[in-house]
């Protein structure tokens, strides 16, 4: 309960350390590569955690339902392309670009589990632009 009070009051600095630690990777000689690899591993861990919660078979069935098939393929493709950019192609900038695509793909994939969330996101985005 004390932890919740500190977080809600804005006096919890524990998460700041993790953010600074992740950003510190960017200033190391191979920092962009490390950042891309750990970012990808974090997204894989997020997928594995939901797999743990609902079971691997049910997770795979839900991932490849027609409503989220494209989001799943794009998300998995971004994960693979990020690792390819780091390990095989050796392109740091491309790896960072794929990390951005990973973020967008994971967000869109996650929104597919919330009813009408994609529609709301599209309306919000278009109202901000127009």
Protein backbone atom coordinates (compact mmCIF):
# COMPACT_ATOMS: atom_id res chain seq x y z
CA UNK A 1 0.00 0.00 0.00
CA UNK A 2 2.88 2.32 0.78
CA UNK A 3 4.31 1.75 -2.71
CA UNK A 4 0.97 2.73 -4.27
CA UNK A 5 0.86 5.92 -2.19
CA UNK A 6 4.40 6.87 -3.30
CA UNK A 7 3.61 6.23 -6.96
CA UNK A 8 0.36 8.19 -6.88
CA UNK A 9 1.97 11.10 -5.06
CA UNK A 10 4.82 11.21 -7.58
CA UNK A 11 7.57 10.47 -5.06
CA UNK A 12 8.59 7.07 -6.42
CA UNK A 13 11.91 7.24 -8.25
CA UNK A 14 12.37 3.49 -8.79
CA UNK A 15 11.06 3.52 -12.37
CA UNK A 16 13.29 6.48 -13.21
CA UNK A 17 16.33 4.26 -12.64
CA UNK A 18 15.08 1.66 -15.09
CA UNK A 19 14.38 4.30 -17.73
CA UNK A 20 17.81 5.82 -17.27
CA UNK A 21 19.40 2.40 -17.45
CA UNK A 22 17.65 1.61 -20.73
CA UNK A 23 18.60 5.00 -22.18
CA UNK A 24 22.20 4.50 -21.07
CA UNK A 25 22.50 1.73 -23.67
CA UNK A 26 22.26 4.39 -26.35
CA UNK A 27 25.54 6.02 -25.26
CA UNK A 28 27.63 2.85 -25.25
CA UNK A 29 29.73 2.00 -28.34
CA UNK A 30 27.30 -0.77 -29.36
CA UNK A 31 24.43 0.91 -27.58
CA UNK A 32 21.92 1.06 -30.40
CA UNK A 33 22.37 -2.63 -31.05
CA UNK A 34 21.95 -3.46 -27.36
CA UNK A 35 18.90 -1.24 -27.11
CA UNK A 36 17.27 -2.86 -30.16
CA UNK A 37 17.99 -6.38 -28.90
CA UNK A 38 16.72 -5.73 -25.38
CA UNK A 39 13.68 -3.86 -26.69
CA UNK A 40 12.83 -6.83 -28.90
CA UNK A 41 13.41 -9.29 -26.06
CA UNK A 42 11.09 -7.20 -23.88
CA UNK A 43 8.33 -7.41 -26.47
CA UNK A 44 8.87 -11.16 -26.79
CA UNK A 45 8.65 -11.43 -22.99
CA UNK A 46 5.37 -9.48 -23.09
CA UNK A 47 3.98 -11.95 -25.61
CA UNK A 48 5.25 -14.88 -23.55
CA UNK A 49 3.56 -13.49 -20.42
CA UNK A 50 0.16 -13.45 -22.09
CA UNK A 51 0.92 -16.91 -23.44
CA UNK A 52 1.55 -17.99 -19.84
CA UNK A 53 -1.73 -16.45 -18.67
CA UNK A 54 -4.07 -17.95 -21.25
CA UNK A 55 -2.07 -20.93 -22.45
CA UNK A 56 -0.01 -21.29 -25.62
CA UNK A 57 -2.68 -22.92 -27.80
CA UNK A 58 -5.38 -20.40 -26.92
CA UNK A 59 -2.90 -17.53 -27.37
CA UNK A 60 -1.92 -18.72 -30.85
CA UNK A 61 -5.56 -19.20 -31.83
CA UNK A 62 -6.39 -15.67 -30.69
CA UNK A 63 -3.32 -14.21 -32.37
CA UNK A 64 -4.28 -15.59 -35.75
CA UNK A 65 -8.01 -14.81 -35.64
CA UNK A 66 -9.13 -12.85 -38.72
CA UNK A 67 -9.63 -9.65 -36.68
CA UNK A 68 -5.98 -9.46 -35.64
CA UNK A 69 -4.21 -11.53 -38.31
CA UNK A 70 -2.60 -8.55 -40.06
CA UNK A 71 -1.59 -6.95 -36.75
CA UNK A 72 0.01 -10.22 -35.64
CA UNK A 73 1.93 -10.70 -38.88
CA UNK A 74 3.20 -7.10 -38.88
CA UNK A 75 4.20 -7.34 -35.22
CA UNK A 76 6.09 -10.62 -35.67
CA UNK A 77 7.70 -9.31 -38.85
CA UNK A 78 8.91 -6.19 -37.01
CA UNK A 79 10.41 -8.35 -34.25
CA UNK A 80 12.28 -10.47 -36.80
CA UNK A 81 13.39 -7.52 -38.93
CA UNK A 82 14.78 -5.71 -35.89
CA UNK A 83 16.97 -8.68 -35.02
CA UNK A 84 18.01 -9.07 -38.68
CA UNK A 85 19.00 -5.39 -38.83
CA UNK A 86 21.14 -5.80 -35.72
CA UNK A 87 22.81 -9.18 -36.29
CA UNK A 88 22.94 -9.81 -40.02
CA UNK A 89 22.73 -6.46 -41.77
CA UNK A 90 24.59 -4.45 -39.10
CA UNK A 91 22.44 -1.34 -39.70
CA UNK A 92 21.91 0.54 -36.44
CA UNK A 93 19.57 3.16 -37.88
CA UNK A 94 17.41 0.51 -39.46
CA UNK A 95 17.26 -1.34 -36.14
CA UNK A 96 16.01 1.80 -34.39
CA UNK A 97 13.44 2.35 -37.16
CA UNK A 98 12.21 -1.22 -36.69
CA UNK A 99 12.01 -0.61 -32.92
CA UNK A 100 9.66 2.29 -33.65
CA UNK A 101 7.66 0.03 -35.96
CA UNK A 102 7.63 -2.58 -33.18
CA UNK A 103 6.13 -0.07 -30.79
CA UNK A 104 3.42 0.89 -33.27
CA UNK A 105 2.72 -2.74 -34.21
CA UNK A 106 2.54 -3.90 -30.59
CA UNK A 107 0.22 -1.00 -29.76
CA UNK A 108 -2.08 -1.84 -32.66
CA UNK A 109 -1.95 -5.55 -31.75
CA UNK A 110 -2.77 -4.79 -28.10
CA UNK A 111 -5.67 -2.56 -29.11
CA UNK A 112 -7.16 -5.49 -31.01
CA UNK A 113 -7.95 -7.17 -27.68
CA UNK A 114 -10.03 -4.22 -26.44
CA UNK A 115 -13.47 -3.93 -28.04
CA UNK A 116 -13.78 -0.84 -30.26
CA UNK A 117 -10.33 0.42 -29.21
CA UNK A 118 -8.99 0.45 -32.75
CA UNK A 119 -11.96 2.46 -33.95
CA UNK A 120 -11.48 4.93 -31.12
CA UNK A 121 -7.76 5.23 -31.88
CA UNK A 122 -8.45 5.85 -35.56
CA UNK A 123 -11.06 8.50 -34.75
CA UNK A 124 -8.74 10.17 -32.27
CA UNK A 125 -5.87 10.17 -34.76
CA UNK A 126 -7.96 11.53 -37.62
CA UNK A 127 -9.53 14.23 -35.45
CA UNK A 128 -6.06 15.38 -34.40
CA UNK A 129 -4.94 15.57 -38.03
CA UNK A 130 -8.04 17.14 -39.51
